[in-house]
Protein backbone atom coordinates (compact mmCIF):
# COMPACT_ATOMS: atom_id res chain seq x y z
CA SER A 1 0.00 0.00 0.00
CA ILE A 2 1.04 3.64 -0.43
CA ARG A 3 1.09 4.15 3.35
CA LYS A 4 3.54 1.25 3.72
CA ILE A 5 5.76 2.60 0.91
CA ASN A 6 5.79 6.11 2.40
CA SER A 7 6.57 4.66 5.83
CA SER A 8 9.43 2.62 4.37
CA VAL A 9 10.87 5.66 2.59
CA ALA A 10 10.63 7.72 5.81
CA ASP A 11 12.32 4.92 7.79
CA GLU A 12 15.20 4.80 5.33
CA LYS A 13 15.62 8.59 5.37
CA ASN A 14 15.69 8.61 9.19
CA GLU A 15 18.13 5.72 9.24
CA ARG A 16 20.40 7.54 6.80
CA ARG A 17 20.69 10.48 9.22
CA THR A 18 21.82 8.37 12.15
CA PRO A 19 25.37 7.05 12.49
CA VAL A 20 25.75 3.67 10.87
CA LYS A 21 27.50 0.70 12.35
CA ARG A 22 30.32 -0.09 9.95
CA ASP A 23 30.30 -3.85 9.75
CA LYS A 24 29.19 -6.64 7.48
CA LYS A 25 26.12 -7.55 9.53
CA ALA A 26 24.89 -3.95 9.27
CA LEU A 27 25.31 -4.17 5.49
CA TYR A 28 23.34 -7.44 5.46
CA ARG A 29 20.50 -5.94 7.53
CA TYR A 30 20.41 -2.82 5.35
CA LEU A 31 20.26 -4.77 2.08
CA LYS A 32 17.59 -7.10 3.43
CA LYS A 33 15.45 -4.24 4.73
CA TYR A 34 15.74 -1.75 1.86
CA HIS A 35 17.15 -3.59 -1.17
CA THR A 36 15.35 -6.91 -1.50
CA GLY A 37 14.93 -8.13 -5.06
CA ARG A 38 16.88 -7.29 -8.18
CA ASP A 39 14.61 -4.33 -8.93
CA ASN A 40 15.88 -2.71 -5.72
CA ALA A 41 19.61 -3.21 -6.27
CA ILE A 42 21.95 -0.49 -4.97
CA ILE A 43 25.30 0.40 -6.51
CA CYS A 44 28.51 0.06 -4.54
CA LYS A 45 29.17 3.81 -4.67
CA GLN A 46 25.91 4.49 -2.81
CA LEU A 47 26.74 1.83 -0.22
CA LYS A 48 30.17 3.39 0.19
CA MET A 49 28.59 6.74 1.03
CA ARG A 50 25.95 5.16 3.26
CA PHE A 51 28.45 3.16 5.32
CA GLN A 52 31.31 5.66 5.07
CA VAL A 53 33.82 3.04 3.98
CA SER A 54 35.62 2.39 0.69
CA GLU A 55 34.12 0.39 -2.16
CA GLU A 56 36.83 -2.18 -1.48
CA VAL A 57 35.50 -2.62 2.06
CA ILE A 58 31.93 -2.99 0.75
CA ARG A 59 33.10 -5.73 -1.65
CA TYR A 60 35.01 -7.39 1.22
CA TYR A 61 31.88 -7.33 3.43
CA VAL A 62 29.81 -8.85 0.60
CA SER A 63 32.43 -11.56 0.09
CA CYS A 64 32.48 -12.38 3.81
CA LEU A 65 28.69 -12.54 3.99
CA ARG A 66 28.56 -14.85 1.00
CA LYS A 67 31.21 -17.12 2.55
CA GLU A 68 29.00 -17.30 5.65
CA GLY A 69 26.10 -18.47 3.47
CA ILE A 70 24.17 -15.20 3.43
CA PRO A 71 22.79 -14.80 -0.09
CA ILE A 72 23.89 -11.36 -1.25
CA CYS A 73 23.20 -11.13 -4.97
CA SER A 74 24.59 -8.76 -7.55
CA CYS A 75 23.88 -7.64 -11.07
CA MET A 76 24.85 -4.73 -13.31
CA ASP A 77 22.60 -2.53 -11.15
CA GLY A 78 24.40 -3.33 -7.88
CA TYR A 79 23.92 -5.47 -4.80
CA TYR A 80 20.67 -6.74 -3.32
CA TYR A 81 19.17 -9.35 -1.03
CA PRO A 82 17.33 -11.94 -3.13
CA LYS A 83 13.56 -12.13 -3.25
CA THR A 84 13.53 -15.45 -5.13
CA HIS A 85 15.79 -18.44 -5.54
CA SER A 86 16.09 -17.65 -9.26
CA GLU A 87 17.86 -14.39 -8.35
CA ILE A 88 20.46 -16.43 -6.48
CA PHE A 89 20.77 -18.73 -9.49
CA GLU A 90 21.37 -15.73 -11.80
CA THR A 91 24.21 -14.50 -9.58
CA VAL A 92 25.78 -17.96 -9.40
CA SER A 93 25.48 -18.36 -13.18
CA ARG A 94 27.31 -15.06 -13.69
CA PHE A 95 30.05 -16.22 -11.29
CA ASN A 96 30.41 -19.49 -13.22
CA LYS A 97 30.86 -17.61 -16.53
CA TYR A 98 33.49 -15.44 -14.87
CA LEU A 99 35.29 -18.53 -13.54
CA LEU A 100 35.39 -20.07 -17.03
CA THR A 101 36.93 -16.87 -18.39
CA LEU A 102 39.53 -16.84 -15.61
CA SER A 103 40.33 -20.48 -16.20
CA ALA A 104 40.91 -19.88 -19.91
CA THR A 105 43.08 -16.86 -19.15
CA ASN A 106 45.17 -18.88 -16.67
CA ALA A 107 45.64 -21.68 -19.20
CA ASN A 108 46.74 -19.21 -21.88
CA LEU A 109 49.21 -17.59 -19.49
CA LEU A 110 50.71 -20.95 -18.57
CA ARG A 111 51.16 -21.78 -22.29
CA ALA A 112 52.67 -18.38 -23.09
CA LYS A 113 56.23 -18.29 -24.28
CA ILE A 114 58.53 -15.57 -23.06
CA LYS A 115 60.35 -13.95 -25.96
């Protein structure tokens, strides 16, 4: 409902004004509360400003959360907490394509001849 949406927007604005705890669990809670589903993805630069840490730290937090089994998804539009299992599958599929590319690159490097 519109009342619920307006309330959610007001909550997020109020939360943005208060000091944020700079840790991975805070990032997880924030993504789950405000950025659930691919349509609500948030770019790393915005998370950086929100949490007042570097983009490298945001990526590190995301990596740690994923290693702990917390499903943080990503796409070209940023990071988000999944709404459906298919969103997790899309992220994993993208990772698998990336791994294949890295594997081919590694193989080519190992075959390279130094001139």
